[in-house]
């Protein structure tokens, strides 16, 4: 599942002691295992090999250039949702024809830039967006490929904030709108309507929602005699955070491959969390301990600005000591909280572990997806460093921010 293992009493990332990284780089710090990234990419690649899919890694899940270059070098394309992510994609060396561009709010300059770069597809989320893409393509005297994102109104059985395929969400268009777009495609002379895109949510541990959405879309295409070349089924494959039992890549493939092969469509998918989630941890240090009449707290130097998932989604991350305690060490329940001035600033609540000491290092597991990418400078805190480990070597792939970084571009008026 990942390459963070104990050797003796020490937690290692591949062949490097996590404690050594923390001592040299400081905390909080994100640590990524290069070979875990590659392991998970290859699991999807191997499981779906017989239909030769285009696997576009979801940049929003982890946009570090070292992560992107690792996956692009292994053959991945990229799924981007902003001009900034497209810029990172260019720096990663990905070929333009392996980029798909999603997102509900693309700006005109972003669309023009993507057309000039020659991306494979825009995933279109509204009729007004389609009209704007058509005008931009006309301006540049180009004809561009688009896939219409359909909202299949299928539940993903995940957190409501990361459910994207139900009718009440802002994503995609309904089936009637899809029908209207294809029946009036003569209005969009500078676009090729070549695909259908679906993405029903994130952290989905069961294959049934994917299967239901694909069946629903394929039935719609057949009944309405809509002909496309590509089916982009998005991402959303879940991972283990604590006690989940998510589908494996092979199990997922077994359920969807028959549908894809029967359709004859070329397959695109956009995994993010499945590839990078378990490839990263966040290491944080205990600053203080505090006991009240009701609670025992461990106050650490990593807060909600560094990892917001627990505060935002009430997400559960397994948290383990970087150095295992001695046998027989006393245990207790802790709320592991950060230094941010918000009651919602916590990494875990009521976790039973050995009684912590000041200076102890803790590893927040499965932090490789939607960790650093969602971090902020709230409370004027410099963002953490990022480190990549490959075998017995590690390198800093994003320097820790300093106070000057916090005010760069500002003036006193």
Protein backbone atom coordinates (compact mmCIF):
# COMPACT_ATOMS: atom_id res chain seq x y z
CA UNK A 1 0.00 0.00 0.00
CA UNK A 2 2.84 2.42 0.80
CA UNK A 3 6.52 2.53 1.67
CA UNK A 4 6.34 4.07 5.14
CA UNK A 5 7.41 1.26 7.47
CA UNK A 6 8.97 0.78 10.87
CA UNK A 7 12.46 -0.65 11.01
CA UNK A 8 13.23 -1.35 14.60
CA UNK A 9 11.63 1.52 16.51
CA UNK A 10 11.99 4.10 13.75
CA UNK A 11 9.58 5.05 10.98
CA UNK A 12 11.20 5.05 7.55
CA UNK A 13 10.16 6.45 4.22
CA UNK A 14 11.63 3.92 1.81
CA UNK A 15 15.20 3.66 3.14
CA UNK A 16 15.40 7.02 4.92
CA UNK A 17 14.63 7.64 8.59
CA UNK A 18 11.75 10.08 8.90
CA UNK A 19 13.35 11.48 12.06
CA UNK A 20 16.50 12.41 10.10
CA UNK A 21 14.45 14.35 7.56
CA UNK A 22 12.58 16.20 10.30
CA UNK A 23 15.82 17.11 12.09
CA UNK A 24 17.43 18.45 8.92
CA UNK A 25 14.43 20.15 7.30
CA UNK A 26 12.30 21.04 10.33
CA UNK A 27 8.61 20.60 11.00
CA UNK A 28 5.91 20.62 9.89
CA UNK A 29 7.06 18.89 6.72
CA UNK A 30 5.41 16.88 3.97
CA UNK A 31 7.35 13.78 2.93
CA UNK A 32 6.57 11.90 -0.29
CA UNK A 33 7.68 8.44 -1.35
CA UNK A 34 8.56 8.50 -5.06
CA UNK A 35 8.23 4.75 -5.42
CA UNK A 36 4.82 4.68 -3.75
CA UNK A 37 3.64 7.22 -6.33
CA UNK A 38 4.90 4.98 -9.12
CA UNK A 39 3.47 1.84 -7.51
CA UNK A 40 -0.04 3.26 -7.46
CA UNK A 41 0.15 4.73 -10.94
CA UNK A 42 1.22 1.35 -12.29
CA UNK A 43 -1.61 -0.43 -10.45
CA UNK A 44 -4.16 1.55 -12.46
CA UNK A 45 -2.14 1.28 -15.67
CA UNK A 46 -1.85 -2.50 -15.34
CA UNK A 47 -5.48 -3.05 -14.32
CA UNK A 48 -6.81 -1.21 -17.39
CA UNK A 49 -4.05 -2.10 -19.83
CA UNK A 50 -6.27 -3.98 -22.29
CA UNK A 51 -8.12 -0.78 -23.26
CA UNK A 52 -4.98 1.43 -23.32
CA UNK A 53 -6.48 4.32 -21.32
CA UNK A 54 -5.13 7.84 -21.07
CA UNK A 55 -4.47 8.26 -17.35
CA UNK A 56 -4.47 11.96 -16.49
CA UNK A 57 -3.23 12.57 -12.95
CA UNK A 58 -5.38 15.09 -11.10
CA UNK A 59 -3.02 18.01 -10.45
CA UNK A 60 -5.31 19.51 -7.80
CA UNK A 61 -4.60 16.56 -5.51
CA UNK A 62 -0.85 17.26 -5.41
CA UNK A 63 0.68 19.89 -7.67
CA UNK A 64 4.33 19.69 -6.57
CA UNK A 65 6.55 19.71 -9.65
CA UNK A 66 8.58 16.74 -8.45
CA UNK A 67 5.38 14.70 -8.11
CA UNK A 68 4.17 15.77 -11.55
CA UNK A 69 7.51 15.08 -13.24
CA UNK A 70 7.70 11.65 -11.62
CA UNK A 71 4.31 10.66 -13.01
CA UNK A 72 4.71 12.32 -16.40
CA UNK A 73 8.02 10.49 -16.85
CA UNK A 74 6.15 7.24 -16.16
CA UNK A 75 3.66 8.02 -18.95
CA UNK A 76 0.87 9.90 -17.19
CA UNK A 77 -1.10 12.77 -18.63
CA UNK A 78 -2.49 15.57 -16.47
CA UNK A 79 -5.96 16.75 -15.47
CA UNK A 80 -5.79 20.51 -14.79
CA UNK A 81 -8.44 22.91 -13.49
CA UNK A 82 -6.78 26.32 -13.72
CA UNK A 83 -4.25 28.36 -15.63
CA UNK A 84 -1.80 27.88 -12.79
CA UNK A 85 -2.11 24.11 -12.99
CA UNK A 86 -1.63 24.28 -16.76
CA UNK A 87 1.55 26.31 -16.14
CA UNK A 88 2.79 23.62 -13.78
CA UNK A 89 1.91 21.03 -16.41
CA UNK A 90 4.05 22.81 -18.97
CA UNK A 91 6.98 22.84 -16.53
CA UNK A 92 6.51 19.12 -15.87
CA UNK A 93 7.23 18.32 -19.51
CA UNK A 94 3.87 16.69 -20.23
CA UNK A 95 2.88 16.60 -23.89
CA UNK A 96 -0.07 18.94 -24.64
CA UNK A 97 -2.08 16.12 -26.18
CA UNK A 98 -2.09 14.38 -22.79
CA UNK A 99 -3.76 17.26 -20.93
CA UNK A 100 -7.46 17.57 -20.17
CA UNK A 101 -8.77 20.83 -18.72
CA UNK A 102 -11.70 20.68 -16.28
CA UNK A 103 -13.24 23.18 -13.86
CA UNK A 104 -16.51 25.13 -13.77
CA UNK A 105 -14.99 28.64 -13.96
CA UNK A 106 -12.42 28.87 -16.75
CA UNK A 107 -11.42 32.45 -17.56
CA UNK A 108 -11.00 33.74 -21.10
CA UNK A 109 -7.22 34.20 -20.84
CA UNK A 110 -6.90 30.68 -19.42
CA UNK A 111 -8.89 29.23 -22.31
CA UNK A 112 -6.80 31.11 -24.89
CA UNK A 113 -3.58 29.91 -23.27
CA UNK A 114 -4.75 26.29 -23.28
CA UNK A 115 -5.80 26.49 -26.94
CA UNK A 116 -2.44 27.93 -27.91
CA UNK A 117 -0.69 25.13 -26.02
CA UNK A 118 -2.71 22.51 -27.91
CA UNK A 119 -4.32 20.53 -25.08
CA UNK A 120 -6.33 17.40 -25.88
CA UNK A 121 -9.69 18.41 -24.38
CA UNK A 122 -11.66 20.98 -22.47
CA UNK A 123 -14.16 19.32 -20.14
CA UNK A 124 -17.07 21.73 -20.60
CA UNK A 125 -19.35 22.48 -17.64
CA UNK A 126 -21.97 24.86 -19.12
CA UNK A 127 -23.42 26.17 -22.37
CA UNK A 128 -22.00 29.63 -21.75
CA UNK A 129 -18.54 28.14 -21.27
CA UNK A 130 -18.89 26.20 -24.53
CA UNK A 131 -19.86 29.41 -26.35
CA UNK A 132 -16.81 31.20 -24.92
CA UNK A 133 -14.46 28.38 -25.94
CA UNK A 134 -15.95 28.53 -29.44
CA UNK A 135 -15.32 32.30 -29.65
CA UNK A 136 -11.76 31.90 -28.35
CA UNK A 137 -11.04 29.18 -30.90
CA UNK A 138 -12.45 31.35 -33.68
CA UNK A 139 -10.25 34.24 -32.57
CA UNK A 140 -7.18 32.00 -32.79
CA UNK A 141 -8.40 30.35 -36.00
CA UNK A 142 -8.30 26.96 -34.34
CA UNK A 143 -10.70 24.07 -33.92
CA UNK A 144 -10.55 22.57 -30.45
CA UNK A 145 -11.77 19.34 -28.85
CA UNK A 146 -14.28 19.39 -26.04
CA UNK A 147 -15.98 16.80 -23.85
CA UNK A 148 -19.30 17.73 -22.28
CA UNK A 149 -19.39 17.01 -18.57
CA UNK A 150 -22.69 15.38 -17.77
CA UNK A 151 -24.04 15.31 -14.23
CA UNK A 152 -25.59 11.83 -14.07
CA UNK A 153 -27.36 12.47 -10.74
CA UNK A 154 -25.71 9.42 -9.17
CA UNK A 155 -24.81 9.27 -5.49
CA UNK A 156 -21.18 8.50 -4.66
CA UNK A 157 -21.72 7.56 -0.97
CA UNK A 158 -18.96 9.88 0.18
CA UNK A 159 -18.76 13.18 2.11
CA UNK A 160 -21.26 15.75 0.83
CA UNK A 161 -18.50 18.27 0.12
CA UNK A 162 -16.76 15.88 -2.28
CA UNK A 163 -19.87 14.51 -3.96
CA UNK A 164 -19.96 16.03 -7.46
CA UNK A 165 -22.32 13.83 -9.47
CA UNK A 166 -25.67 14.68 -7.85
CA UNK A 167 -28.11 17.06 -9.48
CA UNK A 168 -27.90 19.72 -6.76
CA UNK A 169 -24.15 20.32 -7.21
CA UNK A 170 -22.54 22.98 -9.41
CA UNK A 171 -20.78 20.44 -11.63
CA UNK A 172 -21.65 19.41 -15.16
CA UNK A 173 -24.93 19.69 -17.06
CA UNK A 174 -28.06 17.57 -17.03
CA UNK A 175 -28.96 15.09 -19.76
CA UNK A 176 -31.48 17.43 -21.43
CA UNK A 177 -28.81 20.10 -21.78
CA UNK A 178 -26.38 17.57 -23.24
CA UNK A 179 -29.03 16.61 -25.79
CA UNK A 180 -29.64 20.26 -26.67
CA UNK A 181 -25.92 20.93 -27.12
CA UNK A 182 -25.42 18.04 -29.52
CA UNK A 183 -28.56 18.90 -31.50
CA UNK A 184 -27.33 22.48 -31.95
CA UNK A 185 -23.66 21.75 -32.48
CA UNK A 186 -23.77 23.71 -35.73
CA UNK A 187 -23.64 26.81 -33.51
CA UNK A 188 -20.17 25.86 -32.32
CA UNK A 189 -18.25 25.67 -35.57
CA UNK A 190 -14.84 25.95 -33.93
CA UNK A 191 -15.20 23.05 -31.51
CA UNK A 192 -15.28 19.30 -32.01
CA UNK A 193 -17.75 17.60 -29.65
CA UNK A 194 -15.68 14.46 -29.26
CA UNK A 195 -16.29 13.24 -25.73
CA UNK A 196 -18.46 12.84 -22.66
CA UNK A 197 -17.02 13.47 -19.22
CA UNK A 198 -18.30 12.34 -15.82
CA UNK A 199 -16.82 12.77 -12.37
CA UNK A 200 -19.16 11.79 -9.54
CA UNK A 201 -17.05 12.48 -6.47
CA UNK A 202 -13.95 11.69 -4.45
CA UNK A 203 -12.87 9.06 -1.93
CA UNK A 204 -15.33 6.50 -3.35
CA UNK A 205 -14.61 3.06 -1.88
CA UNK A 206 -17.21 1.03 -3.78
CA UNK A 207 -17.31 0.40 -7.55
CA UNK A 208 -21.12 0.51 -7.78
CA UNK A 209 -21.45 4.30 -8.17
CA UNK A 210 -18.93 4.28 -11.04
CA UNK A 211 -20.70 1.39 -12.72
CA UNK A 212 -24.12 3.02 -12.31
CA UNK A 213 -22.94 6.34 -13.73
CA UNK A 214 -21.23 4.74 -16.74
CA UNK A 215 -24.28 2.59 -17.52
CA UNK A 216 -26.56 5.60 -17.28
CA UNK A 217 -24.40 7.69 -19.63
CA UNK A 218 -23.92 4.92 -22.20
CA UNK A 219 -27.66 4.24 -22.25
CA UNK A 220 -28.32 7.94 -22.80
CA UNK A 221 -25.86 8.14 -25.69
CA UNK A 222 -27.36 5.10 -27.38
CA UNK A 223 -30.99 6.17 -26.97
CA UNK A 224 -30.29 9.64 -28.32
CA UNK A 225 -27.95 8.55 -31.12
CA UNK A 226 -25.15 10.74 -29.83
CA UNK A 227 -21.81 9.62 -31.21
CA UNK A 228 -18.51 10.49 -29.50
CA UNK A 229 -15.03 8.96 -29.48
CA UNK A 230 -14.03 9.38 -25.84
CA UNK A 231 -15.52 8.60 -22.46
CA UNK A 232 -13.76 10.33 -19.57
CA UNK A 233 -14.89 8.69 -16.32
CA UNK A 234 -13.05 11.14 -14.06
CA UNK A 235 -11.38 10.07 -10.83
CA UNK A 236 -12.52 9.46 -7.26
CA UNK A 237 -11.07 6.07 -6.34
CA UNK A 238 -10.81 5.91 -2.55
CA UNK A 239 -7.85 4.99 -0.36
CA UNK A 240 -7.27 3.73 3.18
CA UNK A 241 -7.23 6.52 5.77
CA UNK A 242 -8.16 4.41 8.76
CA UNK A 243 -10.48 1.40 8.55
CA UNK A 244 -11.82 1.77 4.99
CA UNK A 245 -11.74 -1.20 2.66
CA UNK A 246 -11.62 0.51 -0.73
CA UNK A 247 -11.82 -1.22 -4.06
CA UNK A 248 -8.52 -2.21 -5.60
CA UNK A 249 -7.57 -1.11 -9.09
CA UNK A 250 -8.15 -4.67 -10.29
CA UNK A 251 -11.60 -4.84 -8.70
CA UNK A 252 -12.50 -1.48 -10.20
CA UNK A 253 -11.29 -2.60 -13.64
CA UNK A 254 -13.22 -5.86 -13.44
CA UNK A 255 -16.46 -3.93 -12.97
CA UNK A 256 -16.00 -1.21 -15.60
CA UNK A 257 -13.94 -2.85 -18.35
CA UNK A 258 -16.84 -4.84 -19.82
CA UNK A 259 -18.82 -1.61 -20.17
CA UNK A 260 -15.95 0.27 -21.78
CA UNK A 261 -15.09 -2.52 -24.21
CA UNK A 262 -18.73 -2.94 -25.27
CA UNK A 263 -19.06 0.81 -25.90
CA UNK A 264 -16.03 0.93 -28.18
CA UNK A 265 -15.10 4.34 -26.73
CA UNK A 266 -11.57 5.44 -25.89
CA UNK A 267 -11.12 5.69 -22.13
CA UNK A 268 -9.75 8.63 -20.16
CA UNK A 269 -9.62 8.75 -16.37
CA UNK A 270 -8.40 11.31 -13.85
CA UNK A 271 -7.13 9.63 -10.66
CA UNK A 272 -5.50 11.79 -8.02
CA UNK A 273 -5.93 10.61 -4.43
CA UNK A 274 -5.54 6.94 -5.42
CA UNK A 275 -2.06 7.68 -6.78
CA UNK A 276 -0.69 10.21 -4.31
CA UNK A 277 -2.78 9.91 -1.12
CA UNK A 278 -0.83 7.16 0.59
CA UNK A 279 2.44 8.33 -0.94
CA UNK A 280 2.77 11.20 1.52
CA UNK A 281 2.79 11.98 5.23
CA UNK A 282 2.93 15.18 7.22
CA UNK A 283 5.33 15.18 10.15
CA UNK A 284 4.63 17.51 13.05
CA UNK A 285 6.24 18.07 16.46
CA UNK A 286 4.62 18.24 19.90
CA UNK A 287 5.12 21.73 21.32
CA UNK A 288 3.15 21.50 24.53
CA UNK A 289 0.86 19.20 26.48
CA UNK A 290 -2.19 20.47 28.25
CA UNK A 291 -4.76 18.84 30.48
CA UNK A 292 -8.14 20.30 31.36
CA UNK A 293 -10.98 18.89 33.42
CA UNK A 294 -12.38 17.17 30.32
CA UNK A 295 -9.56 16.76 27.83
CA UNK A 296 -5.89 16.01 27.33
CA UNK A 297 -4.34 17.99 24.46
CA UNK A 298 -1.16 17.61 22.48
CA UNK A 299 -0.44 20.97 20.85
CA UNK A 300 1.65 20.44 17.72
CA UNK A 301 3.34 22.78 15.24
CA UNK A 302 1.19 21.64 12.29
CA UNK A 303 -2.22 23.25 12.09
CA UNK A 304 -5.30 23.52 9.92
CA UNK A 305 -3.44 25.89 7.64
CA UNK A 306 -1.02 23.03 6.89
CA UNK A 307 -3.59 20.20 6.65
CA UNK A 308 -7.20 21.35 6.53
CA UNK A 309 -8.92 18.03 5.77
CA UNK A 310 -9.76 17.15 9.42
CA UNK A 311 -11.22 20.62 10.05
CA UNK A 312 -13.00 20.93 6.70
CA UNK A 313 -14.35 17.41 6.23
CA UNK A 314 -13.93 15.96 9.73
CA UNK A 315 -11.60 13.60 7.90
CA UNK A 316 -9.82 10.86 9.80
CA UNK A 317 -6.06 10.44 9.34
CA UNK A 318 -4.16 7.74 11.16
CA UNK A 319 -1.46 9.39 13.30
CA UNK A 320 1.56 7.39 14.45
CA UNK A 321 4.74 8.16 16.41
CA UNK A 322 7.88 8.60 14.35
CA UNK A 323 9.69 6.67 17.08
CA UNK A 324 7.85 3.76 18.68
CA UNK A 325 7.49 3.95 22.48
CA UNK A 326 9.07 1.39 24.76
CA UNK A 327 6.97 -1.60 25.66
CA UNK A 328 4.67 -0.92 28.56
CA UNK A 329 4.56 2.84 27.97
CA UNK A 330 1.47 4.40 29.52
CA UNK A 331 -1.30 5.45 27.15
CA UNK A 332 -4.05 8.03 27.14
CA UNK A 333 -6.52 9.81 24.90
CA UNK A 334 -5.42 13.02 23.20
CA UNK A 335 -6.90 15.70 21.03
CA UNK A 336 -4.06 16.54 18.69
CA UNK A 337 -4.47 20.23 17.94
CA UNK A 338 -2.53 22.93 16.14
CA UNK A 339 -1.47 26.49 16.97
CA UNK A 340 -4.14 28.25 14.90
CA UNK A 341 -6.59 30.54 16.68
CA UNK A 342 -9.67 28.51 15.75
CA UNK A 343 -11.53 25.89 17.78
CA UNK A 344 -11.74 23.88 14.57
CA UNK A 345 -7.95 23.61 14.40
CA UNK A 346 -7.37 19.94 15.07
CA UNK A 347 -5.70 16.99 13.38
CA UNK A 348 -7.39 14.32 15.50
CA UNK A 349 -9.72 13.95 18.45
CA UNK A 350 -9.76 11.37 21.24
CA UNK A 351 -6.86 9.38 19.84
CA UNK A 352 -5.48 6.74 22.17
CA UNK A 353 -1.69 6.63 22.12
CA UNK A 354 1.25 6.57 24.44
CA UNK A 355 1.54 9.60 26.70
CA UNK A 356 3.29 12.18 24.54
CA UNK A 357 6.29 14.28 25.54
CA UNK A 358 7.36 17.69 24.30
CA UNK A 359 9.46 17.28 21.18
CA UNK A 360 7.88 14.00 20.09
CA UNK A 361 7.41 13.67 16.35
CA UNK A 362 4.12 12.44 14.92
CA UNK A 363 3.40 11.29 11.37
CA UNK A 364 -0.01 12.10 9.91
CA UNK A 365 -0.51 9.30 7.42
CA UNK A 366 -2.16 9.42 3.97
CA UNK A 367 -1.47 13.14 3.62
CA UNK A 368 -0.14 13.05 0.07
CA UNK A 369 -3.42 14.19 -1.51
CA UNK A 370 -5.17 17.48 -0.76
CA UNK A 371 -2.61 18.27 1.92
CA UNK A 372 -0.07 20.85 0.84
CA UNK A 373 -2.23 21.87 -2.14
CA UNK A 374 -4.97 23.08 0.22
CA UNK A 375 -2.61 24.72 2.73
CA UNK A 376 -2.63 28.44 3.40
CA UNK A 377 -0.88 31.26 5.23
CA UNK A 378 -3.68 31.75 7.73
CA UNK A 379 -2.41 33.39 10.95
CA UNK A 380 0.54 34.55 8.80
CA UNK A 381 2.17 31.15 9.06
CA UNK A 382 4.76 30.21 6.43
CA UNK A 383 3.78 27.05 4.59
CA UNK A 384 5.61 23.80 5.25
CA UNK A 385 8.50 22.30 3.32
CA UNK A 386 8.00 19.36 0.94
CA UNK A 387 10.48 16.50 0.61
CA UNK A 388 10.74 13.67 -1.92
CA UNK A 389 12.39 10.38 -0.99
CA UNK A 390 13.73 7.93 -3.54
CA UNK A 391 15.42 4.85 -2.13
CA UNK A 392 18.08 5.97 0.34
CA UNK A 393 18.13 9.63 -0.73
CA UNK A 394 15.88 12.58 -0.10
CA UNK A 395 15.67 16.09 -1.47
CA UNK A 396 13.72 19.22 -0.58
CA UNK A 397 11.32 19.75 -3.48
CA UNK A 398 9.67 22.84 -1.96
CA UNK A 399 11.52 25.07 0.47
CA UNK A 400 9.82 26.12 3.65
CA UNK A 401 8.40 29.61 3.28
CA UNK A 402 9.84 32.44 5.38
CA UNK A 403 8.40 35.70 6.66
CA UNK A 404 9.52 37.63 3.59
CA UNK A 405 7.50 35.21 1.45
CA UNK A 406 4.42 36.19 3.45
CA UNK A 407 4.56 39.84 2.38
CA UNK A 408 5.95 39.45 -1.14
CA UNK A 409 3.96 41.70 -3.47
CA UNK A 410 2.40 43.71 -0.64
CA UNK A 411 2.91 47.40 0.03
CA UNK A 412 2.02 49.68 2.91
CA UNK A 413 0.12 51.99 0.59
